[in-house]
Protein backbone atom coordinates (compact mmCIF):
# COMPACT_ATOMS: atom_id res chain seq x y z
CA GLU A 1 15.49 -75.86 40.22
CA LEU A 2 15.06 -75.63 36.52
CA VAL A 3 14.59 -78.90 34.69
CA LEU A 4 14.21 -80.35 31.04
CA VAL A 5 10.84 -81.23 29.92
CA CYS A 6 10.86 -83.44 26.91
CA SER A 7 9.13 -86.30 25.08
CA PRO A 8 9.37 -89.75 26.47
CA ALA A 9 11.13 -90.80 23.25
CA LEU A 10 13.87 -88.14 23.75
CA ALA A 11 14.16 -89.14 27.38
CA ALA A 12 14.64 -92.84 26.34
CA GLU A 13 17.36 -91.70 23.78
CA LEU A 14 19.09 -89.51 26.37
CA GLY A 15 19.09 -92.52 28.93
CA GLU A 16 18.26 -92.62 32.58
CA GLY A 17 19.19 -89.86 35.15
CA PRO A 18 20.17 -86.17 34.80
CA VAL A 19 20.94 -84.69 31.48
CA SER A 20 23.86 -82.41 30.68
CA VAL A 21 23.14 -79.17 28.97
CA ALA A 22 25.68 -80.20 26.32
CA ASP A 23 23.64 -83.17 25.51
CA LEU A 24 20.91 -80.80 24.33
CA ALA A 25 23.15 -78.96 21.84
CA ASP A 26 21.46 -80.37 18.66
CA ARG A 27 17.97 -80.67 20.08
CA PRO A 28 15.43 -78.07 19.31
CA LEU A 29 14.40 -76.03 22.42
CA VAL A 30 11.59 -73.56 23.29
CA LEU A 31 12.73 -71.53 26.19
CA PRO A 32 11.15 -68.91 28.50
CA THR A 33 11.77 -65.31 27.32
CA LEU A 34 14.92 -63.86 28.80
CA ALA A 35 12.84 -61.18 30.28
CA GLY A 36 11.01 -63.74 32.28
CA PHE A 37 14.28 -64.94 33.81
CA ALA A 38 16.22 -61.72 33.59
CA ALA A 39 17.14 -61.76 37.40
CA HIS A 40 17.98 -65.47 37.27
CA SER A 41 21.86 -65.70 37.05
CA ARG A 42 22.03 -69.37 36.44
CA TYR A 43 19.42 -69.09 33.58
CA ARG A 44 21.77 -66.26 32.06
CA ASP A 45 24.64 -68.73 32.38
CA LEU A 46 22.62 -71.25 30.35
CA MET A 47 21.90 -68.58 27.74
CA GLY A 48 25.59 -67.87 27.64
CA GLN A 49 25.71 -71.31 26.19
CA ALA A 50 23.26 -70.29 23.57
CA PRO A 51 25.54 -70.84 20.67
CA LEU A 52 25.49 -74.47 21.67
CA LEU A 53 21.80 -74.66 21.94
CA ASN A 54 19.21 -74.81 19.26
CA VAL A 55 16.71 -72.33 20.53
CA ILE A 56 13.86 -72.23 17.98
CA ALA A 57 11.37 -70.01 20.02
CA GLU A 58 10.90 -68.14 23.27
CA LEU A 59 7.51 -68.26 24.97
CA ASP A 60 6.18 -66.26 27.98
CA SER A 61 4.37 -69.00 29.92
CA ALA A 62 5.36 -72.25 31.38
CA TYR A 63 1.80 -73.60 30.11
CA ALA A 64 2.77 -72.62 26.47
CA LEU A 65 6.06 -74.03 26.76
CA VAL A 66 4.75 -77.41 27.92
CA ARG A 67 2.00 -77.35 25.20
CA ALA A 68 4.89 -76.88 22.59
CA VAL A 69 6.66 -79.90 23.95
CA GLU A 70 3.31 -81.94 23.88
CA ALA A 71 2.85 -80.82 20.22
CA GLY A 72 6.24 -82.31 19.35
CA VAL A 73 7.76 -78.78 18.55
CA ALA A 74 10.69 -79.08 20.91
CA SER A 75 11.77 -79.63 24.44
CA THR A 76 11.85 -76.96 27.12
CA ILE A 77 13.54 -75.98 30.36
CA ILE A 78 11.23 -74.58 33.11
CA GLY A 79 10.98 -74.60 36.87
CA ALA A 80 10.55 -77.99 38.63
CA VAL A 81 7.37 -76.99 40.32
CA ALA A 82 5.69 -75.87 37.08
CA ALA A 83 6.98 -79.11 35.31
CA ALA A 84 5.51 -81.33 38.07
CA GLU A 85 2.13 -79.56 37.76
CA LEU A 86 2.01 -79.29 33.86
CA ALA A 87 4.20 -81.91 32.30
CA GLY A 88 1.57 -84.76 32.62
CA GLY A 89 2.83 -87.68 30.39
CA LEU A 90 6.04 -85.83 29.43
CA ALA A 91 9.43 -86.73 30.69
CA VAL A 92 10.94 -84.38 33.28
CA ARG A 93 14.84 -84.58 33.92
CA ARG A 94 17.22 -82.80 36.22
CA LEU A 95 20.03 -80.91 34.40
CA THR A 96 23.74 -80.98 35.09
CA SER A 97 26.53 -78.94 33.82
CA PRO A 98 25.22 -76.28 34.87
CA THR A 99 22.76 -77.20 37.39
CA LEU A 100 20.02 -74.56 37.44
CA GLU A 101 18.31 -73.68 40.63
CA ARG A 102 16.36 -70.72 41.74
CA GLU A 103 17.17 -68.97 44.96
CA LEU A 104 14.96 -68.18 47.78
CA TYR A 105 15.65 -65.36 50.12
CA LEU A 106 14.11 -64.50 53.56
CA TRP A 107 15.33 -61.03 54.58
CA SER A 108 15.49 -59.94 58.25
CA PRO A 109 17.46 -57.12 59.93
CA ALA A 110 20.99 -58.26 60.69
CA ALA A 111 21.43 -55.87 63.58
CA LEU A 112 18.44 -57.48 65.52
CA PRO A 113 17.82 -61.10 66.73
CA PRO A 114 15.15 -62.85 64.52
CA SER A 115 11.76 -62.12 65.84
CA ALA A 116 9.13 -64.67 66.53
CA PRO A 117 7.26 -63.98 63.27
CA VAL A 118 10.50 -64.33 61.32
CA ARG A 119 11.37 -67.56 62.90
CA ALA A 120 7.89 -68.87 62.32
CA VAL A 121 7.98 -67.88 58.56
CA LYS A 122 11.46 -69.41 58.25
CA ASP A 123 10.23 -72.76 59.80
CA ALA A 124 7.02 -72.73 57.62
CA LEU A 125 9.22 -72.21 54.51
CA HIS A 126 11.65 -75.09 55.41
CA ALA A 127 8.52 -77.32 56.03
CA VAL A 128 6.90 -76.38 52.68
CA LEU A 129 10.19 -76.60 50.79
CA ALA A 130 10.90 -80.05 52.32
CA GLY A 131 7.46 -81.31 51.15
CA MET A 132 7.83 -79.85 47.71
CA GLN A 133 11.37 -81.44 47.38
CA ALA A 134 9.91 -84.93 48.30
CA ARG A 135 7.08 -84.50 45.80
CA LEU A 136 9.52 -83.35 43.14
CA ASN A 137 11.85 -86.32 43.67
CA ASP A 138 9.00 -88.71 43.12
CA ARG A 139 8.25 -86.99 39.82
CA ILE A 140 11.60 -85.95 38.33
CA SER A 141 14.35 -88.53 37.46
């Protein structure tokens, strides 16, 4: 899931709960470079709304994006896991219209029944993702 990271003042201005991408139209944003998210179709959907967005810079790392928000340069949109780790005292909000999520794939041969290792990896991924989701829900409004 991709989320908005912004100053607490902007979060208060935007109100409680998730934020619509349209609500960010006049707000300065620093975003990840398109190359960093080139394979991410929903990020491309967001960039398709770029005429609505005030993108003032693109940076290559989540760390640099969050530091730009801390410096008061702009808000950013990054992955929820990175936001939970790096955002510190900043506000982190879910996005709506469009929601932005990253997909996770586990490939196994369709012609064969899942092997014990594939089932074990699948079960482990489900457990890890459930724990991550619970921690993110505690951090992100």
